[in-house]
Amino acid sequence: MSHHLRLVSFKLCPFVQRSVIVLNYCQIPYEIDYIDLMNPPDWFKALSPLGKVPIVQVDHERVIFESAVIMELVSELNPPLLHPHDLLDKAHNRAWIEYGSAMLGTQYELVIAQDEPSFSKALNTLKEQLGRVEQQMHATPFFNGEQLNLIDAAYAPLFMRLAALDKHHALHALANTPKVKAWAEHLLALDAVKTSVVDDFEPLFYQMLHKRKSYLAQFVPA
């Protein structure tokens, strides 16, 4: 039985991108509404328990929130589940998906940093986190081997944003993590990942840096 899936988020949200990658990879139909988080519509406030994005509305009724939960729901609605079969491996993946969420928080601190010291602090933290992920990399080309799993979709948005910054100001964030670097390059070459953001993602991303008057704004197009 197929379900009607309606995602709600904003255009630069890395967390909704996780679900879109899974939907694209599994070739599942969906619709997506983008809202202005600074001025969210009343209908969104009524639907989202935490007032956060993303949410997914299933069959015009039930609302599910939290990106990792939405990814699992999408995968379970269209088996097989994109997780390892072994229970310990599955738990390990879920734990490192949560770690990836923390890394997206660090990446956000990086892009909104107002000066060089706070930017450098966030970059160093991110490099340390990437080093921890590097120690977990035991397979190629995906995190668990030959097939894309939810953990791959969870990290791709981070890699896409780092790549967008690298086009104009080399961060060298992946310089000391060759396994993660190879993983990132493989993910960013996938159609399911390329098509998981709006067509004007990069200009909007750079525009956000200028709007926030971030340290990195000086390096990217206005």
N, C-alpha and C. Protein backbone atom coordinates (compact mmCIF):
# COMPACT_ATOMS: atom_id res chain seq x y z
N MET A 1 0.85 -1.20 0.00
CA MET A 1 0.00 0.00 0.00
C MET A 1 0.88 1.24 0.00
N SER A 2 0.64 2.13 -0.95
CA SER A 2 1.42 3.36 -1.01
C SER A 2 0.77 4.43 -0.14
N HIS A 3 1.59 5.33 0.36
CA HIS A 3 1.12 6.40 1.23
C HIS A 3 1.46 7.75 0.61
N HIS A 4 0.60 8.74 0.87
CA HIS A 4 0.88 10.10 0.42
C HIS A 4 1.77 10.78 1.45
N LEU A 5 2.93 11.24 1.00
CA LEU A 5 3.91 11.86 1.89
C LEU A 5 4.09 13.32 1.52
N ARG A 6 3.92 14.17 2.51
CA ARG A 6 4.11 15.61 2.32
C ARG A 6 5.14 16.11 3.33
N LEU A 7 6.30 16.49 2.82
CA LEU A 7 7.36 17.04 3.67
C LEU A 7 7.17 18.54 3.80
N VAL A 8 7.50 19.07 4.96
CA VAL A 8 7.47 20.51 5.18
C VAL A 8 8.80 20.92 5.79
N SER A 9 9.43 21.92 5.18
CA SER A 9 10.74 22.36 5.66
C SER A 9 11.06 23.73 5.07
N PHE A 10 12.34 24.11 5.09
CA PHE A 10 12.78 25.31 4.38
C PHE A 10 13.92 24.91 3.44
N LYS A 11 14.20 25.75 2.48
CA LYS A 11 15.03 25.35 1.35
C LYS A 11 16.48 24.98 1.70
N LEU A 12 17.00 25.50 2.80
CA LEU A 12 18.40 25.23 3.15
C LEU A 12 18.55 24.21 4.27
N CYS A 13 17.45 23.59 4.68
CA CYS A 13 17.50 22.68 5.83
C CYS A 13 18.24 21.38 5.49
N PRO A 14 19.35 21.08 6.19
CA PRO A 14 20.07 19.84 5.91
C PRO A 14 19.32 18.61 6.41
N PHE A 15 18.44 18.81 7.40
CA PHE A 15 17.76 17.68 8.00
C PHE A 15 16.66 17.13 7.09
N VAL A 16 15.93 18.02 6.40
CA VAL A 16 14.94 17.51 5.45
C VAL A 16 15.64 16.86 4.26
N GLN A 17 16.82 17.35 3.92
CA GLN A 17 17.56 16.78 2.79
C GLN A 17 17.85 15.31 3.01
N ARG A 18 18.05 14.90 4.24
CA ARG A 18 18.27 13.48 4.54
C ARG A 18 17.10 12.63 4.01
N SER A 19 15.89 13.06 4.34
CA SER A 19 14.71 12.31 3.92
C SER A 19 14.53 12.34 2.41
N VAL A 20 14.81 13.49 1.80
CA VAL A 20 14.66 13.61 0.35
C VAL A 20 15.62 12.67 -0.38
N ILE A 21 16.84 12.53 0.15
CA ILE A 21 17.81 11.60 -0.45
C ILE A 21 17.24 10.17 -0.44
N VAL A 22 16.68 9.77 0.69
CA VAL A 22 16.10 8.42 0.80
C VAL A 22 14.93 8.26 -0.16
N LEU A 23 14.07 9.28 -0.22
CA LEU A 23 12.93 9.24 -1.14
C LEU A 23 13.39 9.13 -2.59
N ASN A 24 14.40 9.91 -2.94
CA ASN A 24 14.93 9.87 -4.30
C ASN A 24 15.56 8.52 -4.62
N TYR A 25 16.35 8.03 -3.68
CA TYR A 25 17.05 6.76 -3.87
C TYR A 25 16.06 5.61 -4.05
N CYS A 26 14.99 5.64 -3.27
CA CYS A 26 13.97 4.58 -3.34
C CYS A 26 12.92 4.85 -4.41
N GLN A 27 13.04 6.01 -5.08
CA GLN A 27 12.10 6.41 -6.14
C GLN A 27 10.66 6.40 -5.63
N ILE A 28 10.46 7.07 -4.51
CA ILE A 28 9.15 7.16 -3.87
C ILE A 28 8.56 8.55 -4.16
N PRO A 29 7.33 8.61 -4.65
CA PRO A 29 6.71 9.93 -4.89
C PRO A 29 6.46 10.68 -3.58
N TYR A 30 6.61 11.98 -3.62
CA TYR A 30 6.35 12.81 -2.44
C TYR A 30 6.11 14.24 -2.91
N GLU A 31 5.56 15.05 -2.02
CA GLU A 31 5.51 16.48 -2.28
C GLU A 31 6.22 17.19 -1.14
N ILE A 32 6.68 18.38 -1.41
CA ILE A 32 7.41 19.12 -0.39
C ILE A 32 6.99 20.58 -0.42
N ASP A 33 6.71 21.12 0.75
CA ASP A 33 6.35 22.53 0.91
C ASP A 33 7.47 23.23 1.65
N TYR A 34 7.92 24.35 1.11
CA TYR A 34 8.96 25.13 1.77
C TYR A 34 8.32 26.34 2.44
N ILE A 35 8.66 26.55 3.71
CA ILE A 35 8.11 27.68 4.45
C ILE A 35 9.23 28.62 4.86
N ASP A 36 8.86 29.82 5.27
CA ASP A 36 9.79 30.79 5.82
C ASP A 36 9.81 30.59 7.33
N LEU A 37 10.93 30.08 7.84
CA LEU A 37 11.01 29.78 9.27
C LEU A 37 10.90 31.03 10.14
N MET A 38 11.27 32.17 9.57
CA MET A 38 11.17 33.41 10.32
C MET A 38 9.72 33.87 10.44
N ASN A 39 8.89 33.39 9.53
CA ASN A 39 7.47 33.77 9.53
C ASN A 39 6.63 32.55 9.15
N PRO A 40 6.63 31.53 10.00
CA PRO A 40 5.92 30.29 9.64
C PRO A 40 4.41 30.48 9.62
N PRO A 41 3.75 29.84 8.67
CA PRO A 41 2.29 29.95 8.60
C PRO A 41 1.61 29.26 9.79
N ASP A 42 0.40 29.69 10.08
CA ASP A 42 -0.33 29.13 11.22
C ASP A 42 -0.55 27.63 11.08
N TRP A 43 -0.77 27.15 9.85
CA TRP A 43 -1.03 25.72 9.66
C TRP A 43 0.20 24.89 10.05
N PHE A 44 1.41 25.48 9.84
CA PHE A 44 2.62 24.75 10.24
C PHE A 44 2.74 24.70 11.77
N LYS A 45 2.44 25.82 12.42
CA LYS A 45 2.51 25.86 13.89
C LYS A 45 1.56 24.82 14.49
N ALA A 46 0.43 24.62 13.83
CA ALA A 46 -0.54 23.64 14.32
C ALA A 46 -0.06 22.21 14.11
N LEU A 47 0.73 21.98 13.06
CA LEU A 47 1.17 20.62 12.72
C LEU A 47 2.43 20.19 13.46
N SER A 48 3.36 21.12 13.69
CA SER A 48 4.67 20.75 14.23
C SER A 48 4.70 20.90 15.75
N PRO A 49 4.81 19.80 16.49
CA PRO A 49 4.78 19.86 17.95
C PRO A 49 5.88 20.73 18.55
N LEU A 50 7.06 20.71 17.93
CA LEU A 50 8.20 21.47 18.45
C LEU A 50 8.41 22.79 17.71
N GLY A 51 7.57 23.03 16.70
CA GLY A 51 7.75 24.23 15.89
C GLY A 51 8.99 24.18 15.03
N LYS A 52 9.48 22.95 14.79
CA LYS A 52 10.72 22.76 14.03
C LYS A 52 10.45 22.00 12.74
N VAL A 53 11.39 22.13 11.81
CA VAL A 53 11.35 21.34 10.58
C VAL A 53 12.49 20.33 10.63
N PRO A 54 12.39 19.25 9.86
CA PRO A 54 11.26 18.92 8.99
C PRO A 54 10.17 18.16 9.73
N ILE A 55 9.00 18.17 9.10
CA ILE A 55 7.94 17.25 9.49
C ILE A 55 7.46 16.56 8.21
N VAL A 56 6.83 15.41 8.37
CA VAL A 56 6.19 14.76 7.24
C VAL A 56 4.75 14.45 7.63
N GLN A 57 3.85 14.81 6.74
CA GLN A 57 2.44 14.50 6.93
C GLN A 57 2.11 13.28 6.08
N VAL A 58 1.60 12.25 6.72
CA VAL A 58 1.33 10.98 6.04
C VAL A 58 -0.17 10.85 5.79
N ASP A 59 -0.53 10.66 4.51
CA ASP A 59 -1.93 10.49 4.11
C ASP A 59 -2.80 11.64 4.60
N HIS A 60 -2.25 12.87 4.56
CA HIS A 60 -2.98 14.10 4.89
C HIS A 60 -3.39 14.17 6.36
N GLU A 61 -2.91 13.25 7.19
CA GLU A 61 -3.36 13.21 8.58
C GLU A 61 -2.21 13.19 9.57
N ARG A 62 -1.60 12.04 9.76
CA ARG A 62 -0.62 11.88 10.84
C ARG A 62 0.67 12.64 10.55
N VAL A 63 1.19 13.26 11.56
CA VAL A 63 2.41 14.05 11.43
C VAL A 63 3.55 13.38 12.19
N ILE A 64 4.68 13.19 11.50
CA ILE A 64 5.88 12.62 12.10
C ILE A 64 6.97 13.68 12.05
N PHE A 65 7.72 13.81 13.16
CA PHE A 65 8.79 14.79 13.20
C PHE A 65 10.10 14.13 13.63
N GLU A 66 11.19 14.88 13.53
CA GLU A 66 12.57 14.43 13.77
C GLU A 66 13.11 13.68 12.53
N SER A 67 14.19 14.22 11.99
CA SER A 67 14.68 13.75 10.69
C SER A 67 15.09 12.28 10.68
N ALA A 68 15.73 11.80 11.75
CA ALA A 68 16.16 10.40 11.77
C ALA A 68 14.94 9.48 11.78
N VAL A 69 13.89 9.90 12.48
CA VAL A 69 12.66 9.11 12.54
C VAL A 69 11.96 9.11 11.18
N ILE A 70 11.94 10.26 10.53
CA ILE A 70 11.30 10.36 9.21
C ILE A 70 12.04 9.48 8.20
N MET A 71 13.37 9.50 8.24
CA MET A 71 14.14 8.64 7.34
C MET A 71 13.78 7.17 7.53
N GLU A 72 13.69 6.74 8.78
CA GLU A 72 13.37 5.33 9.06
C GLU A 72 11.96 5.01 8.59
N LEU A 73 11.02 5.92 8.81
CA LEU A 73 9.65 5.70 8.37
C LEU A 73 9.60 5.51 6.85
N VAL A 74 10.24 6.41 6.12
CA VAL A 74 10.26 6.33 4.66
C VAL A 74 10.82 4.99 4.20
N SER A 75 11.91 4.58 4.85
CA SER A 75 12.55 3.32 4.48
C SER A 75 11.66 2.12 4.82
N GLU A 76 10.99 2.17 5.98
CA GLU A 76 10.15 1.05 6.40
C GLU A 76 8.86 0.95 5.58
N LEU A 77 8.40 2.09 5.08
CA LEU A 77 7.21 2.07 4.22
C LEU A 77 7.52 1.42 2.88
N ASN A 78 8.81 1.37 2.56
CA ASN A 78 9.24 0.83 1.27
C ASN A 78 10.42 -0.11 1.48
N PRO A 79 10.15 -1.30 2.05
CA PRO A 79 11.23 -2.23 2.39
C PRO A 79 12.05 -2.62 1.16
N PRO A 80 13.29 -3.08 1.38
CA PRO A 80 13.89 -3.39 2.68
C PRO A 80 14.38 -2.14 3.42
N LEU A 81 14.41 -2.21 4.74
CA LEU A 81 14.91 -1.12 5.55
C LEU A 81 16.38 -0.87 5.22
N LEU A 82 16.71 0.41 5.03
CA LEU A 82 18.08 0.77 4.64
C LEU A 82 18.98 0.89 5.87
N HIS A 83 19.09 -0.23 6.57
CA HIS A 83 19.94 -0.37 7.74
C HIS A 83 20.62 -1.74 7.64
N PRO A 84 21.75 -1.93 8.31
CA PRO A 84 22.34 -3.28 8.38
C PRO A 84 21.35 -4.24 9.05
N HIS A 85 21.44 -5.52 8.71
CA HIS A 85 20.55 -6.52 9.31
C HIS A 85 20.95 -6.86 10.74
N ASP A 86 22.24 -6.89 11.01
CA ASP A 86 22.73 -7.22 12.35
C ASP A 86 22.29 -6.15 13.35
N LEU A 87 21.76 -6.57 14.49
CA LEU A 87 21.21 -5.65 15.47
C LEU A 87 22.25 -4.68 16.01
N LEU A 88 23.45 -5.19 16.28
CA LEU A 88 24.51 -4.31 16.79
C LEU A 88 24.97 -3.31 15.73
N ASP A 89 25.08 -3.78 14.49
CA ASP A 89 25.46 -2.88 13.40
C ASP A 89 24.39 -1.81 13.19
N LYS A 90 23.12 -2.21 13.32
CA LYS A 90 22.02 -1.25 13.17
C LYS A 90 22.07 -0.19 14.26
N ALA A 91 22.30 -0.63 15.50
CA ALA A 91 22.40 0.30 16.62
C ALA A 91 23.60 1.23 16.44
N HIS A 92 24.69 0.66 15.95
CA HIS A 92 25.90 1.45 15.68
C HIS A 92 25.60 2.54 14.65
N ASN A 93 24.88 2.18 13.60
CA ASN A 93 24.51 3.16 12.57
C ASN A 93 23.62 4.25 13.15
N ARG A 94 22.65 3.85 13.95
CA ARG A 94 21.73 4.84 14.54
C ARG A 94 22.50 5.82 15.44
N ALA A 95 23.45 5.30 16.20
CA ALA A 95 24.24 6.16 17.08
C ALA A 95 25.05 7.17 16.27
N TRP A 96 25.65 6.70 15.18
CA TRP A 96 26.48 7.61 14.38
C TRP A 96 25.66 8.55 13.51
N ILE A 97 24.40 8.21 13.27
CA ILE A 97 23.48 9.17 12.65
C ILE A 97 23.25 10.34 13.60
N GLU A 98 23.07 10.02 14.88
CA GLU A 98 22.92 11.08 15.89
C GLU A 98 24.19 11.93 15.97
N TYR A 99 25.32 11.29 15.85
CA TYR A 99 26.59 12.03 15.86
C TYR A 99 26.64 12.97 14.66
N GLY A 100 26.14 12.49 13.52
CA GLY A 100 26.09 13.33 12.32
C GLY A 100 25.20 14.55 12.53
N SER A 101 24.14 14.39 13.31
CA SER A 101 23.28 15.53 13.62
C SER A 101 24.05 16.58 14.42
N ALA A 102 24.85 16.12 15.37
CA ALA A 102 25.69 17.05 16.15
C ALA A 102 26.69 17.75 15.24
N MET A 103 27.21 17.03 14.25
CA MET A 103 28.18 17.63 13.32
C MET A 103 27.52 18.70 12.46
N LEU A 104 26.25 18.50 12.11
CA LEU A 104 25.52 19.54 11.38
C LEU A 104 25.39 20.79 12.24
N GLY A 105 25.28 20.58 13.55
CA GLY A 105 25.26 21.73 14.46
C GLY A 105 26.59 22.47 14.45
N THR A 106 27.69 21.73 14.44
CA THR A 106 29.02 22.34 14.35
C THR A 106 29.19 23.08 13.04
N GLN A 107 28.72 22.45 11.95
CA GLN A 107 28.82 23.08 10.63
C GLN A 107 28.02 24.38 10.59
N TYR A 108 26.89 24.42 11.28
CA TYR A 108 26.09 25.65 11.33
C TYR A 108 26.86 26.73 12.10
N GLU A 109 27.50 26.36 13.19
CA GLU A 109 28.33 27.31 13.94
C GLU A 109 29.45 27.85 13.05
N LEU A 110 29.98 26.98 12.22
CA LEU A 110 31.05 27.37 11.29
C LEU A 110 30.56 28.44 10.32
N VAL A 111 29.39 28.23 9.73
CA VAL A 111 28.94 29.15 8.67
C VAL A 111 28.38 30.46 9.22
N ILE A 112 27.94 30.47 10.48
CA ILE A 112 27.42 31.74 11.01
C ILE A 112 28.44 32.46 11.89
N ALA A 113 29.64 31.87 12.04
CA ALA A 113 30.69 32.51 12.85
C ALA A 113 30.94 33.94 12.35
N GLN A 114 31.01 34.86 13.29
CA GLN A 114 31.13 36.28 12.92
C GLN A 114 32.56 36.75 12.74
N ASP A 115 33.51 35.99 13.25
CA ASP A 115 34.90 36.42 13.15
C ASP A 115 35.81 35.20 12.98
N GLU A 116 37.07 35.48 12.68
CA GLU A 116 38.02 34.40 12.39
C GLU A 116 38.24 33.47 13.58
N PRO A 117 38.37 33.98 14.81
CA PRO A 117 38.57 33.06 15.94
C PRO A 117 37.41 32.08 16.15
N SER A 118 36.18 32.56 16.07
CA SER A 118 35.04 31.65 16.26
C SER A 118 34.89 30.70 15.08
N PHE A 119 35.24 31.18 13.88
CA PHE A 119 35.24 30.31 12.70
C PHE A 119 36.28 29.20 12.87
N SER A 120 37.50 29.56 13.29
CA SER A 120 38.57 28.57 13.46
C SER A 120 38.23 27.56 14.54
N LYS A 121 37.60 28.03 15.60
CA LYS A 121 37.20 27.13 16.69
C LYS A 121 36.21 26.08 16.18
N ALA A 122 35.20 26.53 15.41
CA ALA A 122 34.20 25.61 14.87
C ALA A 122 34.83 24.65 13.88
N LEU A 123 35.74 25.15 13.03
CA LEU A 123 36.41 24.30 12.05
C LEU A 123 37.25 23.23 12.73
N ASN A 124 37.96 23.60 13.79
CA ASN A 124 38.77 22.62 14.52
C ASN A 124 37.90 21.56 15.17
N THR A 125 36.76 21.98 15.72
CA THR A 125 35.82 21.02 16.31
C THR A 125 35.32 20.06 15.25
N LEU A 126 34.97 20.62 14.08
CA LEU A 126 34.47 19.78 12.98
C LEU A 126 35.53 18.77 12.53
N LYS A 127 36.77 19.22 12.45
CA LYS A 127 37.86 18.31 12.05
C LYS A 127 38.03 17.18 13.07
N GLU A 128 37.90 17.52 14.34
CA GLU A 128 37.99 16.49 15.38
C GLU A 128 36.85 15.48 15.23
N GLN A 129 35.65 15.97 14.96
CA GLN A 129 34.50 15.10 14.78
C GLN A 129 34.68 14.21 13.55
N LEU A 130 35.17 14.79 12.47
CA LEU A 130 35.43 14.01 11.26
C LEU A 130 36.48 12.93 11.53
N GLY A 131 37.45 13.24 12.38
CA GLY A 131 38.46 12.25 12.74
C GLY A 131 37.84 11.06 13.46
N ARG A 132 36.85 11.31 14.29
CA ARG A 132 36.15 10.22 14.98
C ARG A 132 35.37 9.36 13.98
N VAL A 133 34.74 10.01 13.00
CA VAL A 133 34.01 9.27 11.97
C VAL A 133 34.98 8.43 11.14
N GLU A 134 36.15 9.00 10.84
CA GLU A 134 37.17 8.29 10.07
C GLU A 134 37.51 6.94 10.73
N GLN A 135 37.54 6.93 12.04
CA GLN A 135 37.88 5.70 12.77
C GLN A 135 36.79 4.63 12.64
N GLN A 136 35.59 5.06 12.24
CA GLN A 136 34.47 4.12 12.09
C GLN A 136 34.35 3.57 10.67
N MET A 137 35.13 4.12 9.74
CA MET A 137 35.01 3.75 8.34
C MET A 137 35.76 2.45 8.06
N HIS A 138 34.98 1.39 7.83
CA HIS A 138 35.58 0.08 7.57
C HIS A 138 35.10 -0.53 6.25
N ALA A 139 34.33 0.24 5.47
CA ALA A 139 33.77 -0.28 4.22
C ALA A 139 33.81 0.80 3.15
N THR A 140 33.62 0.38 1.91
CA THR A 140 33.51 1.31 0.78
C THR A 140 32.51 0.72 -0.21
N PRO A 141 31.91 1.51 -1.08
CA PRO A 141 32.04 2.97 -1.16
C PRO A 141 31.12 3.69 -0.17
N PHE A 142 30.11 2.94 0.36
CA PHE A 142 29.22 3.52 1.36
C PHE A 142 29.71 3.15 2.77
N PHE A 143 29.05 3.70 3.77
CA PHE A 143 29.47 3.48 5.16
C PHE A 143 29.48 1.99 5.52
N ASN A 144 28.46 1.24 5.01
CA ASN A 144 28.36 -0.18 5.33
C ASN A 144 28.79 -1.12 4.21
N GLY A 145 29.19 -0.55 3.08
CA GLY A 145 29.59 -1.41 1.97
C GLY A 145 29.01 -0.99 0.64
N GLU A 146 28.39 -1.93 -0.06
CA GLU A 146 27.98 -1.70 -1.45
C GLU A 146 26.67 -0.94 -1.61
N GLN A 147 25.84 -0.91 -0.56
CA GLN A 147 24.51 -0.31 -0.69
C GLN A 147 24.37 0.95 0.16
N LEU A 148 23.68 1.96 -0.38
CA LEU A 148 23.37 3.15 0.39
C LEU A 148 22.44 2.79 1.54
N ASN A 149 22.77 3.25 2.72
CA ASN A 149 21.93 3.07 3.90
C ASN A 149 21.55 4.44 4.46
N LEU A 150 20.73 4.44 5.49
CA LEU A 150 20.26 5.70 6.06
C LEU A 150 21.41 6.56 6.57
N ILE A 151 22.44 5.93 7.07
CA ILE A 151 23.57 6.71 7.58
C ILE A 151 24.25 7.51 6.47
N ASP A 152 24.25 7.00 5.26
CA ASP A 152 24.82 7.72 4.12
C ASP A 152 23.99 8.97 3.82
N ALA A 153 22.67 8.79 3.83
CA ALA A 153 21.77 9.93 3.59
C ALA A 153 21.91 10.96 4.70
N ALA A 154 22.22 10.51 5.91
CA ALA A 154 22.34 11.41 7.05
C ALA A 154 23.56 12.32 6.96
N TYR A 155 24.65 11.82 6.36
CA TYR A 155 25.89 12.60 6.30
C TYR A 155 26.03 13.41 5.01
N ALA A 156 25.34 13.03 3.95
CA ALA A 156 25.50 13.72 2.67
C ALA A 156 25.22 15.22 2.74
N PRO A 157 24.20 15.69 3.49
CA PRO A 157 23.98 17.15 3.56
C PRO A 157 25.17 17.91 4.14
N LEU A 158 25.84 17.33 5.12
CA LEU A 158 27.04 17.96 5.68
C LEU A 158 28.11 18.08 4.60
N PHE A 159 28.35 17.00 3.87
CA PHE A 159 29.37 17.02 2.84
C PHE A 159 29.03 18.00 1.72
N MET A 160 27.74 18.13 1.38
CA MET A 160 27.35 19.06 0.32
C MET A 160 27.65 20.50 0.72
N ARG A 161 27.40 20.84 1.97
CA ARG A 161 27.64 22.21 2.42
C ARG A 161 29.15 22.51 2.50
N LEU A 162 29.92 21.55 2.93
CA LEU A 162 31.38 21.74 2.95
C LEU A 162 31.91 21.92 1.53
N ALA A 163 31.37 21.15 0.58
CA ALA A 163 31.81 21.26 -0.82
C ALA A 163 31.45 22.62 -1.40
N ALA A 164 30.27 23.14 -1.04
CA ALA A 164 29.85 24.46 -1.54
C ALA A 164 30.79 25.55 -1.02
N LEU A 165 31.23 25.42 0.21
CA LEU A 165 32.18 26.39 0.77
C LEU A 165 33.55 26.24 0.13
N ASP A 166 33.97 25.00 -0.09
CA ASP A 166 35.30 24.73 -0.66
C ASP A 166 35.47 25.32 -2.06
N LYS A 167 34.37 25.53 -2.77
CA LYS A 167 34.45 26.11 -4.11
C LYS A 167 35.06 27.51 -4.08
N HIS A 168 34.91 28.19 -2.95
CA HIS A 168 35.36 29.59 -2.87
C HIS A 168 36.35 29.86 -1.75
N HIS A 169 36.44 28.96 -0.79
CA HIS A 169 37.38 29.15 0.31
C HIS A 169 37.73 27.77 0.87
N ALA A 170 38.88 27.25 0.47
CA ALA A 170 39.25 25.89 0.84
C ALA A 170 39.36 25.74 2.36
N LEU A 171 38.51 24.87 2.91
CA LEU A 171 38.51 24.65 4.35
C LEU A 171 39.50 23.56 4.76
N HIS A 172 39.79 22.65 3.81
CA HIS A 172 40.65 21.49 4.09
C HIS A 172 40.11 20.66 5.26
N ALA A 173 38.79 20.66 5.41
CA ALA A 173 38.16 19.96 6.54
C ALA A 173 38.39 18.45 6.46
N LEU A 174 38.49 17.93 5.24
CA LEU A 174 38.63 16.48 5.05
C LEU A 174 40.07 16.07 4.74
N ALA A 175 41.00 16.99 4.89
CA ALA A 175 42.38 16.73 4.48
C ALA A 175 43.01 15.56 5.23
N ASN A 176 42.64 15.38 6.49
CA ASN A 176 43.27 14.34 7.30
C ASN A 176 42.37 13.11 7.49
N THR A 177 41.30 13.05 6.71
CA THR A 177 40.37 11.92 6.82
C THR A 177 40.09 11.34 5.43
N PRO A 178 41.07 10.62 4.86
CA PRO A 178 40.94 10.14 3.48
C PRO A 178 39.75 9.21 3.25
N LYS A 179 39.40 8.40 4.24
CA LYS A 179 38.25 7.49 4.07
C LYS A 179 36.95 8.27 4.01
N VAL A 180 36.82 9.26 4.89
CA VAL A 180 35.62 10.10 4.86
C VAL A 180 35.58 10.91 3.57
N LYS A 181 36.73 11.38 3.13
CA LYS A 181 36.79 12.17 1.89
C LYS A 181 36.30 11.34 0.70
N ALA A 182 36.74 10.10 0.60
CA ALA A 182 36.30 9.22 -0.49
C ALA A 182 34.80 8.94 -0.39
N TRP A 183 34.33 8.73 0.82
CA TRP A 183 32.90 8.51 1.06
C TRP A 183 32.09 9.73 0.62
N ALA A 184 32.55 10.91 1.02
CA ALA A 184 31.86 12.15 0.66
C ALA A 184 31.80 12.33 -0.85
N GLU A 185 32.91 12.10 -1.53
CA GLU A 185 32.96 12.29 -2.98
C GLU A 185 32.02 11.32 -3.68
N HIS A 186 31.94 10.10 -3.18
CA HIS A 186 31.04 9.10 -3.77
C HIS A 186 29.58 9.53 -3.58
N LEU A 187 29.24 9.99 -2.39
CA LEU A 187 27.86 10.40 -2.12
C LEU A 187 27.45 11.59 -2.98
N LEU A 188 28.33 12.59 -3.08
CA LEU A 188 27.99 13.81 -3.81
C LEU A 188 27.87 13.59 -5.31
N ALA A 189 28.36 12.46 -5.80
CA ALA A 189 28.24 12.14 -7.23
C ALA A 189 26.93 11.43 -7.56
N LEU A 190 26.17 11.04 -6.54
CA LEU A 190 24.93 10.30 -6.77
C LEU A 190 23.79 11.22 -7.19
N ASP A 191 22.99 10.77 -8.15
CA ASP A 191 21.83 11.57 -8.57
C ASP A 191 20.86 11.80 -7.42
N ALA A 192 20.67 10.79 -6.57
CA ALA A 192 19.74 10.92 -5.45
C ALA A 192 20.15 12.04 -4.50
N VAL A 193 21.46 12.30 -4.42
CA VAL A 193 21.96 13.39 -3.58
C VAL A 193 21.93 14.71 -4.33
N LYS A 194 22.38 14.71 -5.57
CA LYS A 194 22.40 15.94 -6.37
C LYS A 194 21.02 16.58 -6.47
N THR A 195 19.99 15.74 -6.58
CA THR A 195 18.63 16.24 -6.77
C THR A 195 17.87 16.40 -5.46
N SER A 196 18.58 16.35 -4.34
CA SER A 196 17.91 16.41 -3.03
C SER A 196 17.78 17.83 -2.50
N VAL A 197 18.26 18.81 -3.26
CA VAL A 197 18.13 20.22 -2.87
C VAL A 197 17.51 20.99 -4.03
N VAL A 198 17.06 22.22 -3.74
CA VAL A 198 16.49 23.06 -4.79
C VAL A 198 17.58 23.44 -5.79
N ASP A 199 17.16 23.78 -7.01
CA ASP A 199 18.12 24.09 -8.08
C ASP A 199 19.06 25.23 -7.71
N ASP A 200 18.55 26.20 -6.96
CA ASP A 200 19.37 27.36 -6.61
C ASP A 200 19.93 27.25 -5.19
N PHE A 201 20.22 26.02 -4.78
CA PHE A 201 20.72 25.80 -3.41
C PHE A 201 21.96 26.63 -3.11
N GLU A 202 22.98 26.55 -3.97
CA GLU A 202 24.24 27.24 -3.66
C GLU A 202 24.08 28.75 -3.56
N PRO A 203 23.41 29.42 -4.54
CA PRO A 203 23.20 30.87 -4.37
C PRO A 203 22.45 31.22 -3.09
N LEU A 204 21.45 30.41 -2.74
CA LEU A 204 20.69 30.67 -1.51
C LEU A 204 21.57 30.46 -0.28
N PHE A 205 22.43 29.46 -0.33
CA PHE A 205 23.36 29.17 0.78
C PHE A 205 24.31 30.35 0.98
N TYR A 206 24.89 30.84 -0.13
CA TYR A 206 25.80 31.97 -0.04
C TYR A 206 25.06 33.23 0.42
N GLN A 207 23.85 33.40 -0.06
CA GLN A 207 23.03 34.55 0.33
C GLN A 207 22.78 34.55 1.84
N MET A 208 22.57 33.37 2.40
CA MET A 208 22.36 33.24 3.84
C MET A 208 23.60 33.70 4.60
N LEU A 209 24.79 33.37 4.09
CA LEU A 209 26.02 33.79 4.75
C LEU A 209 26.12 35.31 4.79
N HIS A 210 25.75 35.95 3.68
CA HIS A 210 25.79 37.42 3.63
C HIS A 210 24.73 38.03 4.55
N LYS A 211 23.57 37.41 4.57
CA LYS A 211 22.49 37.93 5.41
C LYS A 211 22.87 37.84 6.89
N ARG A 212 23.60 36.77 7.25
CA ARG A 212 24.03 36.60 8.65
C ARG A 212 25.33 37.35 8.96
N LYS A 213 25.88 38.04 7.92
CA LYS A 213 27.15 38.78 8.08
C LYS A 213 28.24 37.88 8.70
N SER A 214 28.33 36.68 8.17
CA SER A 214 29.28 35.71 8.71
C SER A 214 30.70 35.98 8.20
N TYR A 215 31.66 35.43 8.89
CA TYR A 215 33.06 35.55 8.50
C TYR A 215 33.27 35.01 7.09
N LEU A 216 32.60 33.91 6.74
CA LEU A 216 32.79 33.28 5.44
C LEU A 216 32.15 34.07 4.29
N ALA A 217 31.28 35.01 4.60
CA ALA A 217 30.59 35.77 3.54
C ALA A 217 31.57 36.48 2.61
N GLN A 218 32.72 36.90 3.15
CA GLN A 218 33.70 37.64 2.34
C GLN A 218 34.28 36.78 1.22
N PHE A 219 34.16 35.46 1.32
CA PHE A 219 34.78 34.58 0.34
C PHE A 219 33.82 34.05 -0.72
N VAL A 220 32.51 34.20 -0.50
CA VAL A 220 31.54 33.59 -1.41
C VAL A 220 30.80 34.68 -2.19
N PRO A 221 30.21 34.31 -3.35
CA PRO A 221 29.51 35.32 -4.15
C PRO A 221 28.33 35.91 -3.38
N ALA A 222 28.05 37.17 -3.65
CA ALA A 222 26.92 37.86 -3.00
C ALA A 222 25.62 37.45 -3.66
